[in-house]
PDB file of N, CA and C in Angstrom:
ATOM      1  N   MET A   1      18.390  -8.133   2.685  1.00  0.00           N
ATOM      2  CA  MET A   1      19.414  -8.413   1.617  1.00  0.00           C
ATOM      3  C   MET A   1      19.558  -7.024   0.628  1.00  0.00           C
ATOM      4  N   ILE A   2      20.863  -6.737   0.301  1.00  0.00           N
ATOM      5  CA  ILE A   2      21.047  -5.471  -0.488  1.00  0.00           C
ATOM      6  C   ILE A   2      20.979  -6.151  -1.768  1.00  0.00           C
ATOM      7  N   PRO A   3      20.107  -5.430  -2.700  1.00  0.00           N
ATOM      8  CA  PRO A   3      20.139  -5.894  -4.292  1.00  0.00           C
ATOM      9  C   PRO A   3      21.624  -5.643  -4.908  1.00  0.00           C
ATOM     10  N   VAL A   4      22.001  -6.730  -5.535  1.00  0.00           N
ATOM     11  CA  VAL A   4      23.080  -6.729  -6.350  1.00  0.00           C
ATOM     12  C   VAL A   4      22.724  -6.101  -7.674  1.00  0.00           C
ATOM     13  N   VAL A   5      21.461  -6.203  -8.237  1.00  0.00           N
ATOM     14  CA  VAL A   5      21.145  -5.641  -9.722  1.00  0.00           C
ATOM     15  C   VAL A   5      19.889  -4.972  -9.476  1.00  0.00           C
ATOM     16  N   SER A   6      19.807  -3.715 -10.059  1.00  0.00           N
ATOM     17  CA  SER A   6      18.489  -2.918 -10.113  1.00  0.00           C
ATOM     18  C   SER A   6      17.987  -3.104 -11.542  1.00  0.00           C
ATOM     19  N   LEU A   7      16.495  -3.610 -11.692  1.00  0.00           N
ATOM     20  CA  LEU A   7      16.030  -3.657 -13.041  1.00  0.00           C
ATOM     21  C   LEU A   7      14.851  -2.696 -13.123  1.00  0.00           C
ATOM     22  N   VAL A   8      14.829  -1.920 -14.124  1.00  0.00           N
ATOM     23  CA  VAL A   8      13.941  -0.865 -14.329  1.00  0.00           C
ATOM     24  C   VAL A   8      12.913  -1.085 -15.533  1.00  0.00           C
ATOM     25  N   LEU A   9      11.781  -1.112 -15.174  1.00  0.00           N
ATOM     26  CA  LEU A   9      10.690  -1.471 -16.492  1.00  0.00           C
ATOM     27  C   LEU A   9       9.779  -0.264 -16.532  1.00  0.00           C
ATOM     28  N   LEU A  10       9.656  -0.016 -17.839  1.00  0.00           N
ATOM     29  CA  LEU A  10       8.939   1.093 -18.022  1.00  0.00           C
ATOM     30  C   LEU A  10       7.938   0.502 -18.855  1.00  0.00           C
ATOM     31  N   THR A  11       6.542   1.252 -18.292  1.00  0.00           N
ATOM     32  CA  THR A  11       5.347   0.706 -18.800  1.00  0.00           C
ATOM     33  C   THR A  11       4.236   1.585 -19.155  1.00  0.00           C
ATOM     34  N   TRP A  12       3.579   1.386 -20.454  1.00  0.00           N
ATOM     35  CA  TRP A  12       2.241   2.294 -20.471  1.00  0.00           C
ATOM     36  C   TRP A  12       1.369   1.652 -21.375  1.00  0.00           C
ATOM     37  N   ASN A  13       0.297   1.361 -20.582  1.00  0.00           N
ATOM     38  CA  ASN A  13      -0.899   0.368 -21.245  1.00  0.00           C
ATOM     39  C   ASN A  13      -0.694  -0.899 -21.850  1.00  0.00           C
ATOM     40  N   ALA A  14       0.295  -1.637 -21.204  1.00  0.00           N
ATOM     41  CA  ALA A  14       0.655  -2.811 -21.788  1.00  0.00           C
ATOM     42  C   ALA A  14       0.648  -4.022 -20.570  1.00  0.00           C
ATOM     43  N   LEU A  15      -0.778  -3.943 -20.151  1.00  0.00           N
ATOM     44  CA  LEU A  15      -0.686  -5.048 -18.826  1.00  0.00           C
ATOM     45  C   LEU A  15      -0.249  -6.261 -19.169  1.00  0.00           C
ATOM     46  N   GLU A  16      -0.562  -6.892 -20.279  1.00  0.00           N
ATOM     47  CA  GLU A  16      -0.322  -8.345 -20.395  1.00  0.00           C
ATOM     48  C   GLU A  16       1.267  -8.479 -20.095  1.00  0.00           C
ATOM     49  N   TYR A  17       1.955  -7.558 -21.078  1.00  0.00           N
ATOM     50  CA  TYR A  17       3.372  -7.553 -21.085  1.00  0.00           C
ATOM     51  C   TYR A  17       4.077  -7.407 -19.810  1.00  0.00           C
ATOM     52  N   THR A  18       3.521  -6.493 -19.171  1.00  0.00           N
ATOM     53  CA  THR A  18       4.001  -6.030 -17.848  1.00  0.00           C
ATOM     54  C   THR A  18       3.708  -6.988 -16.943  1.00  0.00           C
ATOM     55  N   ARG A  19       2.751  -7.876 -16.760  1.00  0.00           N
ATOM     56  CA  ARG A  19       2.634  -8.922 -15.913  1.00  0.00           C
ATOM     57  C   ARG A  19       3.503  -9.974 -16.272  1.00  0.00           C
ATOM     58  N   ILE A  20       3.608 -10.388 -17.582  1.00  0.00           N
ATOM     59  CA  ILE A  20       4.703 -11.516 -18.020  1.00  0.00           C
ATOM     60  C   ILE A  20       6.088 -11.179 -17.751  1.00  0.00           C
ATOM     61  N   THR A  21       6.432  -9.694 -17.602  1.00  0.00           N
ATOM     62  CA  THR A  21       7.800  -9.568 -17.554  1.00  0.00           C
ATOM     63  C   THR A  21       7.932  -9.529 -15.929  1.00  0.00           C
ATOM     64  N   ILE A  22       6.925  -9.014 -14.994  1.00  0.00           N
ATOM     65  CA  ILE A  22       7.318  -8.828 -13.493  1.00  0.00           C
ATOM     66  C   ILE A  22       7.345 -10.504 -13.243  1.00  0.00           C
ATOM     67  N   GLU A  23       6.432 -11.402 -13.450  1.00  0.00           N
ATOM     68  CA  GLU A  23       6.564 -12.775 -13.320  1.00  0.00           C
ATOM     69  C   GLU A  23       7.651 -13.517 -13.790  1.00  0.00           C
ATOM     70  N   SER A  24       8.297 -13.231 -14.713  1.00  0.00           N
ATOM     71  CA  SER A  24       9.703 -13.604 -15.309  1.00  0.00           C
ATOM     72  C   SER A  24      10.606 -13.208 -14.454  1.00  0.00           C
ATOM     73  N   VAL A  25      10.693 -12.191 -14.073  1.00  0.00           N
ATOM     74  CA  VAL A  25      11.816 -11.675 -13.083  1.00  0.00           C
ATOM     75  C   VAL A  25      11.701 -12.245 -11.622  1.00  0.00           C
ATOM     76  N   ARG A  26      10.636 -12.567 -11.236  1.00  0.00           N
ATOM     77  CA  ARG A  26      10.372 -13.140  -9.890  1.00  0.00           C
ATOM     78  C   ARG A  26      10.852 -14.442 -10.039  1.00  0.00           C
ATOM     79  N   ARG A  27      10.628 -15.160 -11.159  1.00  0.00           N
ATOM     80  CA  ARG A  27      10.739 -16.566 -11.296  1.00  0.00           C
ATOM     81  C   ARG A  27      12.115 -16.972 -11.768  1.00  0.00           C
ATOM     82  N   PHE A  28      12.667 -16.087 -12.720  1.00  0.00           N
ATOM     83  CA  PHE A  28      13.964 -16.579 -13.055  1.00  0.00           C
ATOM     84  C   PHE A  28      15.238 -15.717 -12.653  1.00  0.00           C
ATOM     85  N   THR A  29      15.126 -14.835 -11.902  1.00  0.00           N
ATOM     86  CA  THR A  29      16.344 -13.914 -11.031  1.00  0.00           C
ATOM     87  C   THR A  29      16.818 -14.622 -10.166  1.00  0.00           C
ATOM     88  N   LYS A  30      17.885 -14.860  -9.852  1.00  0.00           N
ATOM     89  CA  LYS A  30      18.618 -15.566  -8.765  1.00  0.00           C
ATOM     90  C   LYS A  30      19.391 -14.638  -7.952  1.00  0.00           C
ATOM     91  N   LEU A  31      19.837 -13.664  -8.444  1.00  0.00           N
ATOM     92  CA  LEU A  31      20.609 -12.739  -7.588  1.00  0.00           C
ATOM     93  C   LEU A  31      19.927 -11.798  -6.904  1.00  0.00           C
ATOM     94  N   PRO A  32      20.110 -11.317  -5.696  1.00  0.00           N
ATOM     95  CA  PRO A  32      19.301 -10.104  -5.100  1.00  0.00           C
ATOM     96  C   PRO A  32      19.005  -8.928  -6.105  1.00  0.00           C
ATOM     97  N   CYS A  33      17.881  -8.700  -6.258  1.00  0.00           N
ATOM     98  CA  CYS A  33      17.819  -7.617  -7.216  1.00  0.00           C
ATOM     99  C   CYS A  33      16.366  -6.750  -6.598  1.00  0.00           C
ATOM    100  N   GLU A  34      16.240  -5.579  -7.089  1.00  0.00           N
ATOM    101  CA  GLU A  34      15.238  -4.810  -6.911  1.00  0.00           C
ATOM    102  C   GLU A  34      14.312  -4.451  -8.442  1.00  0.00           C
ATOM    103  N   LEU A  35      13.187  -4.294  -8.361  1.00  0.00           N
ATOM    104  CA  LEU A  35      12.461  -4.286  -9.920  1.00  0.00           C
ATOM    105  C   LEU A  35      11.869  -2.944  -9.601  1.00  0.00           C
ATOM    106  N   VAL A  36      12.127  -1.849 -10.235  1.00  0.00           N
ATOM    107  CA  VAL A  36      11.441  -0.421 -10.215  1.00  0.00           C
ATOM    108  C   VAL A  36      10.511  -0.547 -11.318  1.00  0.00           C
ATOM    109  N   VAL A  37       9.087  -0.212 -11.366  1.00  0.00           N
ATOM    110  CA  VAL A  37       8.276  -0.235 -12.447  1.00  0.00           C
ATOM    111  C   VAL A  37       8.104   1.222 -12.303  1.00  0.00           C
ATOM    112  N   VAL A  38       8.126   1.690 -13.555  1.00  0.00           N
ATOM    113  CA  VAL A  38       7.738   3.095 -13.866  1.00  0.00           C
ATOM    114  C   VAL A  38       6.479   3.078 -14.781  1.00  0.00           C
ATOM    115  N   ASP A  39       5.404   3.618 -14.509  1.00  0.00           N
ATOM    116  CA  ASP A  39       4.263   3.554 -15.150  1.00  0.00           C
ATOM    117  C   ASP A  39       4.058   4.948 -15.769  1.00  0.00           C
ATOM    118  N   ASN A  40       3.690   5.081 -16.958  1.00  0.00           N
ATOM    119  CA  ASN A  40       3.737   6.515 -17.604  1.00  0.00           C
ATOM    120  C   ASN A  40       2.522   6.725 -18.135  1.00  0.00           C
ATOM    121  N   GLY A  41       1.612   6.707 -17.057  1.00  0.00           N
ATOM    122  CA  GLY A  41       0.173   7.131 -17.167  1.00  0.00           C
ATOM    123  C   GLY A  41      -0.808   6.173 -17.613  1.00  0.00           C
ATOM    124  N   SER A  42      -0.787   5.138 -17.461  1.00  0.00           N
ATOM    125  CA  SER A  42      -1.320   3.703 -17.967  1.00  0.00           C
ATOM    126  C   SER A  42      -2.972   3.979 -17.553  1.00  0.00           C
ATOM    127  N   GLU A  43      -3.971   3.178 -18.274  1.00  0.00           N
ATOM    128  CA  GLU A  43      -5.297   3.106 -17.969  1.00  0.00           C
ATOM    129  C   GLU A  43      -5.215   2.435 -16.786  1.00  0.00           C
ATOM    130  N   ALA A  44      -6.657   2.155 -16.371  1.00  0.00           N
ATOM    131  CA  ALA A  44      -6.944   1.440 -15.177  1.00  0.00           C
ATOM    132  C   ALA A  44      -6.311   0.119 -14.725  1.00  0.00           C
ATOM    133  N   PRO A  45      -6.674  -0.867 -15.900  1.00  0.00           N
ATOM    134  CA  PRO A  45      -6.274  -2.239 -15.617  1.00  0.00           C
ATOM    135  C   PRO A  45      -4.997  -2.285 -15.089  1.00  0.00           C
ATOM    136  N   THR A  46      -3.938  -1.526 -15.822  1.00  0.00           N
ATOM    137  CA  THR A  46      -2.379  -1.739 -15.756  1.00  0.00           C
ATOM    138  C   THR A  46      -2.260  -1.100 -14.227  1.00  0.00           C
ATOM    139  N   VAL A  47      -2.658  -0.120 -13.878  1.00  0.00           N
ATOM    140  CA  VAL A  47      -2.626   0.576 -12.587  1.00  0.00           C
ATOM    141  C   VAL A  47      -3.120  -0.254 -11.723  1.00  0.00           C
ATOM    142  N   GLU A  48      -4.379  -0.714 -11.812  1.00  0.00           N
ATOM    143  CA  GLU A  48      -4.915  -1.672 -10.553  1.00  0.00           C
ATOM    144  C   GLU A  48      -3.916  -2.916 -10.496  1.00  0.00           C
ATOM    145  N   TYR A  49      -3.363  -3.555 -11.467  1.00  0.00           N
ATOM    146  CA  TYR A  49      -2.377  -4.702 -11.249  1.00  0.00           C
ATOM    147  C   TYR A  49      -1.321  -4.087 -10.624  1.00  0.00           C
ATOM    148  N   LEU A  50      -0.612  -3.037 -10.837  1.00  0.00           N
ATOM    149  CA  LEU A  50       0.551  -2.542 -10.257  1.00  0.00           C
ATOM    150  C   LEU A  50       0.359  -2.336  -8.691  1.00  0.00           C
ATOM    151  N   ARG A  51      -0.824  -1.950  -8.368  1.00  0.00           N
ATOM    152  CA  ARG A  51      -1.183  -1.687  -7.022  1.00  0.00           C
ATOM    153  C   ARG A  51      -1.389  -2.712  -6.143  1.00  0.00           C
ATOM    154  N   THR A  52      -1.492  -3.985  -6.787  1.00  0.00           N
ATOM    155  CA  THR A  52      -1.712  -5.471  -6.088  1.00  0.00           C
ATOM    156  C   THR A  52      -0.245  -5.795  -5.591  1.00  0.00           C
ATOM    157  N   LEU A  53       0.871  -5.355  -6.107  1.00  0.00           N
ATOM    158  CA  LEU A  53       2.037  -5.874  -6.193  1.00  0.00           C
ATOM    159  C   LEU A  53       2.653  -5.377  -4.828  1.00  0.00           C
TER     160      LEU A  53
END
């Protein structure tokens, strides 16, 4: 399915906000979309979480 909307999320050492945002996009977005997460050199916990996606 081709995405109708592209969302870009910029994050830096904000694991909890990043997790909440990604979960919200997954739960509430109805249109086909792509989510691009750009990490700006975060510490380990945020990077580890993003690698699990």
